[in-house]
Amino acid sequence: MTPKSSPPVSLKAVGKKIDKASLKKVKDEVPLFAGLDDYILDQAIREKEEAATADKAKAKEKALEKKKKTALKTKQHAVEPKTKRAPKVKKAQPLDPDAILLSVAEMCTLLKISRATLVRMDNAGKLPGRIKLGGSVRFHRQTVETWLQGLIATPPSA
């Protein structure tokens, strides 16, 4: 009867961490390597060095890619200056000829002025026919049209 022995330990089973103790275990369990101490040790050292070299190469490659991306971003920012967005321009509201009250947008369309100018004129009290309904502001159409006709009829004062 032969005693049961543990399965032989291979270099792959030992993994990346190969030291003298694990090499001795390999040599003891596998008589094939008897007398080849230097060969096994040299091979293990070579494998370690190759792995380290490959890791260094990967690290250098990643660093180089990162530098390229940073340089590309910097170059793009230098070439393409940041531009301000164009202000949003709302489409002119079609005026309903039967409407009694005009909204702020319709009033802007009628006078061909911006909303900011309309608000400024309203705060200065220059616009007639202002009506506040709930939270919204409306303008009485007939009052505004009469006011506009009056501006045309009278010559501007100097």
N, C-alpha and C. Protein backbone atom coordinates (compact mmCIF):
# COMPACT_ATOMS: atom_id res chain seq x y z
N MET A 1 0.83 -1.17 0.00
CA MET A 1 0.00 0.00 0.00
C MET A 1 0.87 1.24 0.00
N THR A 2 0.52 2.11 -0.89
CA THR A 2 1.30 3.35 -0.95
C THR A 2 0.54 4.43 -0.20
N PRO A 3 1.28 5.27 0.52
CA PRO A 3 0.58 6.34 1.26
C PRO A 3 0.03 7.37 0.28
N LYS A 4 -1.14 7.91 0.66
CA LYS A 4 -1.74 8.93 -0.19
C LYS A 4 -0.92 10.21 -0.08
N SER A 5 -0.63 10.76 -1.20
CA SER A 5 0.12 12.02 -1.18
C SER A 5 -0.77 13.12 -1.74
N SER A 6 -0.48 14.32 -1.33
CA SER A 6 -1.27 15.45 -1.82
C SER A 6 -0.92 15.70 -3.28
N PRO A 7 -1.82 16.28 -4.03
CA PRO A 7 -1.53 16.52 -5.45
C PRO A 7 -0.36 17.49 -5.57
N PRO A 8 0.41 17.34 -6.63
CA PRO A 8 1.58 18.20 -6.79
C PRO A 8 1.17 19.66 -6.95
N VAL A 9 1.98 20.52 -6.41
CA VAL A 9 1.73 21.96 -6.49
C VAL A 9 2.42 22.47 -7.74
N SER A 10 1.65 23.18 -8.57
CA SER A 10 2.23 23.71 -9.79
C SER A 10 2.58 25.18 -9.57
N LEU A 11 3.37 25.72 -10.48
CA LEU A 11 3.74 27.14 -10.38
C LEU A 11 2.52 28.03 -10.55
N LYS A 12 1.56 27.58 -11.38
CA LYS A 12 0.35 28.36 -11.59
C LYS A 12 -0.51 28.38 -10.34
N ALA A 13 -0.55 27.26 -9.61
CA ALA A 13 -1.35 27.19 -8.39
C ALA A 13 -0.78 28.11 -7.33
N VAL A 14 0.52 28.27 -7.31
CA VAL A 14 1.15 29.13 -6.32
C VAL A 14 0.79 30.59 -6.61
N GLY A 15 0.63 30.93 -7.87
CA GLY A 15 0.22 32.27 -8.23
C GLY A 15 1.39 33.21 -8.37
N LYS A 16 1.14 34.49 -8.22
CA LYS A 16 2.18 35.49 -8.40
C LYS A 16 3.18 35.48 -7.24
N LYS A 17 2.72 35.07 -6.07
CA LYS A 17 3.59 35.08 -4.90
C LYS A 17 4.38 33.76 -4.85
N ILE A 18 5.58 33.81 -5.39
CA ILE A 18 6.44 32.63 -5.40
C ILE A 18 7.65 32.94 -4.53
N ASP A 19 7.79 32.17 -3.48
CA ASP A 19 8.96 32.36 -2.62
C ASP A 19 9.69 31.02 -2.49
N LYS A 20 10.76 31.02 -1.73
CA LYS A 20 11.60 29.82 -1.62
C LYS A 20 10.85 28.65 -0.99
N ALA A 21 9.97 28.94 -0.03
CA ALA A 21 9.23 27.87 0.63
C ALA A 21 8.31 27.15 -0.35
N SER A 22 7.62 27.92 -1.18
CA SER A 22 6.73 27.28 -2.14
C SER A 22 7.52 26.52 -3.20
N LEU A 23 8.71 27.04 -3.58
CA LEU A 23 9.55 26.34 -4.54
C LEU A 23 10.04 25.02 -3.96
N LYS A 24 10.39 25.04 -2.68
CA LYS A 24 10.86 23.80 -2.04
C LYS A 24 9.75 22.77 -2.02
N LYS A 25 8.53 23.23 -1.75
CA LYS A 25 7.38 22.32 -1.72
C LYS A 25 7.18 21.69 -3.09
N VAL A 26 7.31 22.51 -4.16
CA VAL A 26 7.17 22.00 -5.51
C VAL A 26 8.23 20.95 -5.79
N LYS A 27 9.48 21.24 -5.41
CA LYS A 27 10.57 20.30 -5.69
C LYS A 27 10.43 19.01 -4.89
N ASP A 28 9.93 19.14 -3.65
CA ASP A 28 9.78 17.93 -2.83
C ASP A 28 8.68 17.02 -3.36
N GLU A 29 7.58 17.60 -3.81
CA GLU A 29 6.46 16.80 -4.26
C GLU A 29 6.64 16.27 -5.67
N VAL A 30 7.41 16.92 -6.47
CA VAL A 30 7.59 16.51 -7.86
C VAL A 30 9.06 16.18 -8.07
N PRO A 31 9.40 14.90 -8.11
CA PRO A 31 10.81 14.53 -8.23
C PRO A 31 11.40 14.89 -9.60
N LEU A 32 10.59 15.25 -10.53
CA LEU A 32 11.07 15.59 -11.85
C LEU A 32 12.01 16.81 -11.79
N PHE A 33 11.74 17.72 -10.84
CA PHE A 33 12.53 18.93 -10.75
C PHE A 33 13.76 18.78 -9.87
N ALA A 34 14.05 17.61 -9.43
CA ALA A 34 15.21 17.41 -8.57
C ALA A 34 16.47 17.83 -9.31
N GLY A 35 17.26 18.69 -8.69
CA GLY A 35 18.50 19.16 -9.29
C GLY A 35 18.33 20.36 -10.20
N LEU A 36 17.11 20.83 -10.36
CA LEU A 36 16.88 21.98 -11.23
C LEU A 36 16.50 23.22 -10.42
N ASP A 37 17.10 23.38 -9.26
CA ASP A 37 16.76 24.49 -8.36
C ASP A 37 16.94 25.85 -9.04
N ASP A 38 18.09 26.01 -9.66
CA ASP A 38 18.38 27.31 -10.29
C ASP A 38 17.43 27.59 -11.45
N TYR A 39 17.10 26.57 -12.20
CA TYR A 39 16.22 26.75 -13.35
C TYR A 39 14.83 27.22 -12.90
N ILE A 40 14.27 26.57 -11.89
CA ILE A 40 12.94 26.92 -11.38
C ILE A 40 12.95 28.32 -10.80
N LEU A 41 13.98 28.63 -10.02
CA LEU A 41 14.08 29.94 -9.40
C LEU A 41 14.21 31.03 -10.47
N ASP A 42 15.05 30.78 -11.47
CA ASP A 42 15.21 31.76 -12.55
C ASP A 42 13.90 31.96 -13.31
N GLN A 43 13.19 30.87 -13.57
CA GLN A 43 11.93 30.97 -14.28
C GLN A 43 10.91 31.77 -13.47
N ALA A 44 10.83 31.54 -12.18
CA ALA A 44 9.90 32.27 -11.32
C ALA A 44 10.25 33.76 -11.29
N ILE A 45 11.53 34.04 -11.21
CA ILE A 45 11.98 35.45 -11.19
C ILE A 45 11.64 36.12 -12.51
N ARG A 46 11.88 35.42 -13.62
CA ARG A 46 11.55 35.98 -14.92
C ARG A 46 10.05 36.27 -15.05
N GLU A 47 9.23 35.35 -14.57
CA GLU A 47 7.78 35.56 -14.63
C GLU A 47 7.37 36.77 -13.82
N LYS A 48 7.98 36.94 -12.65
CA LYS A 48 7.68 38.09 -11.81
C LYS A 48 8.08 39.39 -12.51
N GLU A 49 9.27 39.38 -13.10
CA GLU A 49 9.76 40.58 -13.78
C GLU A 49 8.89 40.93 -14.98
N GLU A 50 8.46 39.90 -15.72
CA GLU A 50 7.59 40.15 -16.87
C GLU A 50 6.26 40.74 -16.43
N ALA A 51 5.72 40.22 -15.34
CA ALA A 51 4.46 40.74 -14.82
C ALA A 51 4.63 42.19 -14.37
N ALA A 52 5.73 42.48 -13.69
CA ALA A 52 5.99 43.85 -13.23
C ALA A 52 6.17 44.79 -14.42
N THR A 53 6.89 44.32 -15.45
CA THR A 53 7.11 45.13 -16.64
C THR A 53 5.79 45.41 -17.36
N ALA A 54 4.93 44.39 -17.43
CA ALA A 54 3.63 44.56 -18.07
C ALA A 54 2.78 45.56 -17.28
N ASP A 55 2.82 45.48 -15.94
CA ASP A 55 2.06 46.42 -15.12
C ASP A 55 2.56 47.85 -15.32
N LYS A 56 3.88 48.01 -15.39
CA LYS A 56 4.45 49.35 -15.61
C LYS A 56 4.05 49.88 -16.97
N ALA A 57 4.06 49.02 -17.97
CA ALA A 57 3.69 49.44 -19.31
C ALA A 57 2.23 49.89 -19.35
N LYS A 58 1.35 49.15 -18.68
CA LYS A 58 -0.06 49.52 -18.62
C LYS A 58 -0.23 50.85 -17.92
N ALA A 59 0.50 51.05 -16.82
CA ALA A 59 0.41 52.31 -16.08
C ALA A 59 0.89 53.48 -16.95
N LYS A 60 1.98 53.29 -17.68
CA LYS A 60 2.48 54.34 -18.56
C LYS A 60 1.47 54.65 -19.67
N GLU A 61 0.85 53.60 -20.20
CA GLU A 61 -0.13 53.77 -21.27
C GLU A 61 -1.34 54.55 -20.77
N LYS A 62 -1.81 54.23 -19.56
CA LYS A 62 -2.94 54.96 -18.98
C LYS A 62 -2.59 56.41 -18.75
N ALA A 63 -1.38 56.67 -18.23
CA ALA A 63 -0.94 58.04 -17.99
C ALA A 63 -0.86 58.82 -19.29
N LEU A 64 -0.37 58.17 -20.33
CA LEU A 64 -0.26 58.81 -21.63
C LEU A 64 -1.64 59.15 -22.21
N GLU A 65 -2.58 58.22 -22.07
CA GLU A 65 -3.95 58.46 -22.54
C GLU A 65 -4.57 59.62 -21.79
N LYS A 66 -4.35 59.67 -20.48
CA LYS A 66 -4.89 60.75 -19.66
C LYS A 66 -4.31 62.10 -20.10
N LYS A 67 -3.01 62.13 -20.39
CA LYS A 67 -2.39 63.37 -20.85
C LYS A 67 -2.96 63.79 -22.19
N LYS A 68 -3.19 62.82 -23.07
CA LYS A 68 -3.75 63.13 -24.39
C LYS A 68 -5.15 63.72 -24.25
N LYS A 69 -5.97 63.11 -23.39
CA LYS A 69 -7.33 63.61 -23.19
C LYS A 69 -7.31 65.02 -22.62
N THR A 70 -6.43 65.26 -21.64
CA THR A 70 -6.33 66.59 -21.04
C THR A 70 -5.86 67.60 -22.07
N ALA A 71 -4.87 67.22 -22.86
CA ALA A 71 -4.36 68.12 -23.90
C ALA A 71 -5.44 68.41 -24.94
N LEU A 72 -6.21 67.39 -25.28
CA LEU A 72 -7.27 67.56 -26.27
C LEU A 72 -8.34 68.50 -25.74
N LYS A 73 -8.73 68.32 -24.46
CA LYS A 73 -9.73 69.20 -23.87
C LYS A 73 -9.23 70.63 -23.82
N THR A 74 -7.97 70.80 -23.43
CA THR A 74 -7.38 72.14 -23.36
C THR A 74 -7.35 72.76 -24.75
N LYS A 75 -7.00 71.98 -25.74
CA LYS A 75 -6.92 72.47 -27.11
C LYS A 75 -8.30 72.87 -27.61
N GLN A 76 -9.31 72.07 -27.31
CA GLN A 76 -10.67 72.38 -27.74
C GLN A 76 -11.16 73.67 -27.09
N HIS A 77 -10.84 73.84 -25.80
CA HIS A 77 -11.27 75.05 -25.12
C HIS A 77 -10.55 76.27 -25.68
N ALA A 78 -9.29 76.09 -26.08
CA ALA A 78 -8.53 77.20 -26.63
C ALA A 78 -9.03 77.57 -28.02
N VAL A 79 -9.39 76.57 -28.81
CA VAL A 79 -9.83 76.81 -30.17
C VAL A 79 -11.26 77.34 -30.20
N GLU A 80 -12.12 76.75 -29.41
CA GLU A 80 -13.52 77.11 -29.42
C GLU A 80 -13.83 77.97 -28.19
N PRO A 81 -13.84 79.29 -28.35
CA PRO A 81 -14.17 80.12 -27.19
C PRO A 81 -15.63 79.92 -26.82
N LYS A 82 -15.89 80.04 -25.55
CA LYS A 82 -17.26 79.87 -25.09
C LYS A 82 -18.09 81.05 -25.58
N THR A 83 -19.21 80.73 -26.15
CA THR A 83 -20.09 81.78 -26.65
C THR A 83 -21.33 81.84 -25.77
N LYS A 84 -21.87 83.02 -25.66
CA LYS A 84 -23.09 83.17 -24.89
C LYS A 84 -24.25 82.65 -25.71
N ARG A 85 -25.21 82.14 -25.01
CA ARG A 85 -26.40 81.64 -25.70
C ARG A 85 -27.20 82.83 -26.22
N ALA A 86 -27.79 82.61 -27.34
CA ALA A 86 -28.66 83.64 -27.89
C ALA A 86 -29.92 83.71 -27.03
N PRO A 87 -30.43 84.89 -26.79
CA PRO A 87 -31.64 84.98 -25.97
C PRO A 87 -32.81 84.31 -26.67
N LYS A 88 -33.67 83.75 -25.87
CA LYS A 88 -34.85 83.09 -26.43
C LYS A 88 -35.77 84.14 -27.04
N VAL A 89 -36.16 83.90 -28.26
CA VAL A 89 -37.06 84.81 -28.94
C VAL A 89 -38.39 84.10 -29.09
N LYS A 90 -39.40 84.67 -28.48
CA LYS A 90 -40.71 84.06 -28.58
C LYS A 90 -41.36 84.48 -29.89
N LYS A 91 -42.14 83.57 -30.43
CA LYS A 91 -42.87 83.88 -31.66
C LYS A 91 -43.93 84.93 -31.36
N ALA A 92 -44.14 85.79 -32.32
CA ALA A 92 -45.16 86.83 -32.15
C ALA A 92 -46.53 86.19 -32.04
N GLN A 93 -47.28 86.67 -31.07
CA GLN A 93 -48.62 86.15 -30.86
C GLN A 93 -49.55 86.74 -31.93
N PRO A 94 -50.30 85.92 -32.61
CA PRO A 94 -51.27 86.48 -33.56
C PRO A 94 -52.37 87.21 -32.78
N LEU A 95 -52.70 88.40 -33.21
CA LEU A 95 -53.72 89.18 -32.52
C LEU A 95 -55.11 88.74 -32.95
N ASP A 96 -55.93 88.50 -31.96
CA ASP A 96 -57.32 88.15 -32.22
C ASP A 96 -58.10 89.45 -32.38
N PRO A 97 -58.65 89.71 -33.56
CA PRO A 97 -59.34 91.00 -33.77
C PRO A 97 -60.59 91.16 -32.92
N ASP A 98 -61.14 90.05 -32.42
CA ASP A 98 -62.38 90.14 -31.62
C ASP A 98 -62.10 90.22 -30.12
N ALA A 99 -60.84 90.11 -29.70
CA ALA A 99 -60.52 90.09 -28.28
C ALA A 99 -60.70 91.48 -27.68
N ILE A 100 -61.31 91.53 -26.52
CA ILE A 100 -61.51 92.80 -25.82
C ILE A 100 -60.26 93.14 -25.00
N LEU A 101 -59.65 92.11 -24.41
CA LEU A 101 -58.46 92.31 -23.60
C LEU A 101 -57.24 91.71 -24.28
N LEU A 102 -56.10 92.40 -24.15
CA LEU A 102 -54.84 91.92 -24.73
C LEU A 102 -53.93 91.42 -23.61
N SER A 103 -53.27 90.30 -23.85
CA SER A 103 -52.28 89.81 -22.89
C SER A 103 -50.99 90.61 -23.04
N VAL A 104 -50.05 90.38 -22.14
CA VAL A 104 -48.77 91.08 -22.21
C VAL A 104 -48.05 90.75 -23.52
N ALA A 105 -48.05 89.48 -23.92
CA ALA A 105 -47.39 89.06 -25.16
C ALA A 105 -48.06 89.71 -26.37
N GLU A 106 -49.39 89.75 -26.38
CA GLU A 106 -50.11 90.38 -27.49
C GLU A 106 -49.84 91.88 -27.54
N MET A 107 -49.73 92.50 -26.37
CA MET A 107 -49.44 93.93 -26.30
C MET A 107 -48.04 94.21 -26.86
N CYS A 108 -47.08 93.33 -26.53
CA CYS A 108 -45.73 93.47 -27.08
C CYS A 108 -45.74 93.34 -28.59
N THR A 109 -46.53 92.44 -29.10
CA THR A 109 -46.65 92.25 -30.55
C THR A 109 -47.27 93.48 -31.21
N LEU A 110 -48.32 93.99 -30.59
CA LEU A 110 -49.01 95.15 -31.15
C LEU A 110 -48.10 96.37 -31.21
N LEU A 111 -47.33 96.61 -30.13
CA LEU A 111 -46.45 97.78 -30.07
C LEU A 111 -45.08 97.52 -30.68
N LYS A 112 -44.81 96.25 -30.98
CA LYS A 112 -43.50 95.84 -31.52
C LYS A 112 -42.36 96.26 -30.61
N ILE A 113 -42.52 95.92 -29.32
CA ILE A 113 -41.48 96.20 -28.32
C ILE A 113 -41.24 94.93 -27.52
N SER A 114 -40.13 94.91 -26.77
CA SER A 114 -39.81 93.74 -25.95
C SER A 114 -40.65 93.76 -24.67
N ARG A 115 -40.66 92.64 -24.03
CA ARG A 115 -41.41 92.52 -22.78
C ARG A 115 -40.83 93.44 -21.72
N ALA A 116 -39.49 93.54 -21.68
CA ALA A 116 -38.84 94.40 -20.69
C ALA A 116 -39.25 95.86 -20.90
N THR A 117 -39.32 96.30 -22.15
CA THR A 117 -39.73 97.68 -22.45
C THR A 117 -41.17 97.89 -22.03
N LEU A 118 -42.03 96.91 -22.29
CA LEU A 118 -43.44 97.02 -21.89
C LEU A 118 -43.56 97.15 -20.38
N VAL A 119 -42.82 96.34 -19.66
CA VAL A 119 -42.87 96.39 -18.19
C VAL A 119 -42.36 97.75 -17.71
N ARG A 120 -41.29 98.24 -18.32
CA ARG A 120 -40.72 99.53 -17.93
C ARG A 120 -41.74 100.66 -18.18
N MET A 121 -42.40 100.63 -19.32
CA MET A 121 -43.41 101.65 -19.63
C MET A 121 -44.60 101.55 -18.68
N ASP A 122 -44.98 100.31 -18.34
CA ASP A 122 -46.10 100.10 -17.43
C ASP A 122 -45.77 100.63 -16.04
N ASN A 123 -44.55 100.36 -15.57
CA ASN A 123 -44.14 100.85 -14.24
C ASN A 123 -44.07 102.37 -14.21
N ALA A 124 -43.75 102.98 -15.35
CA ALA A 124 -43.67 104.45 -15.43
C ALA A 124 -45.05 105.08 -15.59
N GLY A 125 -46.08 104.25 -15.80
CA GLY A 125 -47.44 104.76 -15.95
C GLY A 125 -47.72 105.31 -17.33
N LYS A 126 -46.99 104.90 -18.33
CA LYS A 126 -47.16 105.41 -19.70
C LYS A 126 -48.18 104.62 -20.51
N LEU A 127 -48.61 103.47 -20.01
CA LEU A 127 -49.55 102.63 -20.76
C LEU A 127 -50.96 102.75 -20.18
N PRO A 128 -51.94 103.06 -21.01
CA PRO A 128 -53.32 103.14 -20.52
C PRO A 128 -54.03 101.80 -20.63
N GLY A 129 -55.14 101.69 -19.93
CA GLY A 129 -56.02 100.53 -20.08
C GLY A 129 -55.52 99.27 -19.38
N ARG A 130 -54.68 99.41 -18.37
CA ARG A 130 -54.16 98.23 -17.65
C ARG A 130 -55.22 97.71 -16.70
N ILE A 131 -55.45 96.40 -16.77
CA ILE A 131 -56.41 95.74 -15.89
C ILE A 131 -55.71 94.52 -15.29
N LYS A 132 -55.85 94.35 -14.00
CA LYS A 132 -55.26 93.18 -13.34
C LYS A 132 -56.39 92.23 -12.99
N LEU A 133 -56.33 91.03 -13.56
CA LEU A 133 -57.33 90.00 -13.30
C LEU A 133 -56.67 88.85 -12.58
N GLY A 134 -56.95 88.71 -11.32
CA GLY A 134 -56.30 87.66 -10.55
C GLY A 134 -54.81 87.93 -10.49
N GLY A 135 -54.00 87.05 -11.01
CA GLY A 135 -52.55 87.25 -11.04
C GLY A 135 -52.03 87.71 -12.38
N SER A 136 -52.90 87.90 -13.36
CA SER A 136 -52.42 88.27 -14.69
C SER A 136 -52.81 89.70 -15.03
N VAL A 137 -51.99 90.30 -15.90
CA VAL A 137 -52.22 91.67 -16.35
C VAL A 137 -52.76 91.62 -17.77
N ARG A 138 -53.79 92.39 -18.04
CA ARG A 138 -54.37 92.52 -19.37
C ARG A 138 -54.51 94.01 -19.69
N PHE A 139 -54.64 94.29 -20.96
CA PHE A 139 -54.82 95.67 -21.40
C PHE A 139 -56.10 95.75 -22.21
N HIS A 140 -56.93 96.80 -21.96
CA HIS A 140 -58.17 96.98 -22.68
C HIS A 140 -57.81 97.43 -24.09
N ARG A 141 -58.24 96.66 -25.06
CA ARG A 141 -57.82 96.87 -26.45
C ARG A 141 -58.26 98.22 -27.00
N GLN A 142 -59.51 98.60 -26.79
CA GLN A 142 -60.01 99.84 -27.36
C GLN A 142 -59.30 101.05 -26.75
N THR A 143 -59.01 100.99 -25.46
CA THR A 143 -58.30 102.09 -24.80
C THR A 143 -56.91 102.24 -25.37
N VAL A 144 -56.23 101.13 -25.59
CA VAL A 144 -54.87 101.15 -26.14
C VAL A 144 -54.88 101.68 -27.56
N GLU A 145 -55.84 101.25 -28.38
CA GLU A 145 -55.91 101.72 -29.76
C GLU A 145 -56.22 103.21 -29.83
N THR A 146 -57.09 103.69 -28.95
CA THR A 146 -57.40 105.12 -28.88
C THR A 146 -56.15 105.90 -28.48
N TRP A 147 -55.43 105.38 -27.51
CA TRP A 147 -54.18 106.02 -27.05
C TRP A 147 -53.18 106.10 -28.20
N LEU A 148 -53.02 105.02 -28.97
CA LEU A 148 -52.10 105.01 -30.11
C LEU A 148 -52.54 106.03 -31.17
N GLN A 149 -53.84 106.13 -31.46
CA GLN A 149 -54.34 107.09 -32.44
C GLN A 149 -54.06 108.52 -31.96
N GLY A 150 -54.16 108.72 -30.64
CA GLY A 150 -53.86 110.05 -30.09
C GLY A 150 -52.39 110.39 -30.23
N LEU A 151 -51.51 109.40 -30.14
CA LEU A 151 -50.08 109.66 -30.32
C LEU A 151 -49.77 110.06 -31.75
N ILE A 152 -50.51 109.50 -32.69
CA ILE A 152 -50.27 109.81 -34.10
C ILE A 152 -50.78 111.21 -34.44
N ALA A 153 -51.94 111.58 -33.89
CA ALA A 153 -52.58 112.84 -34.23
C ALA A 153 -51.83 114.05 -33.66
N THR A 154 -51.29 113.93 -32.48
CA THR A 154 -50.63 115.08 -31.86
C THR A 154 -49.16 115.11 -32.24
N PRO A 155 -48.64 116.30 -32.57
CA PRO A 155 -47.22 116.39 -32.87
C PRO A 155 -46.40 116.25 -31.58
N PRO A 156 -45.23 115.68 -31.65
CA PRO A 156 -44.42 115.51 -30.44
C PRO A 156 -44.01 116.86 -29.89
N SER A 157 -44.05 116.97 -28.58
CA SER A 157 -43.65 118.23 -27.94
C SER A 157 -42.14 118.27 -27.79
N ALA A 158 -41.60 119.47 -27.99
CA ALA A 158 -40.14 119.61 -27.96
C ALA A 158 -39.64 120.04 -26.62
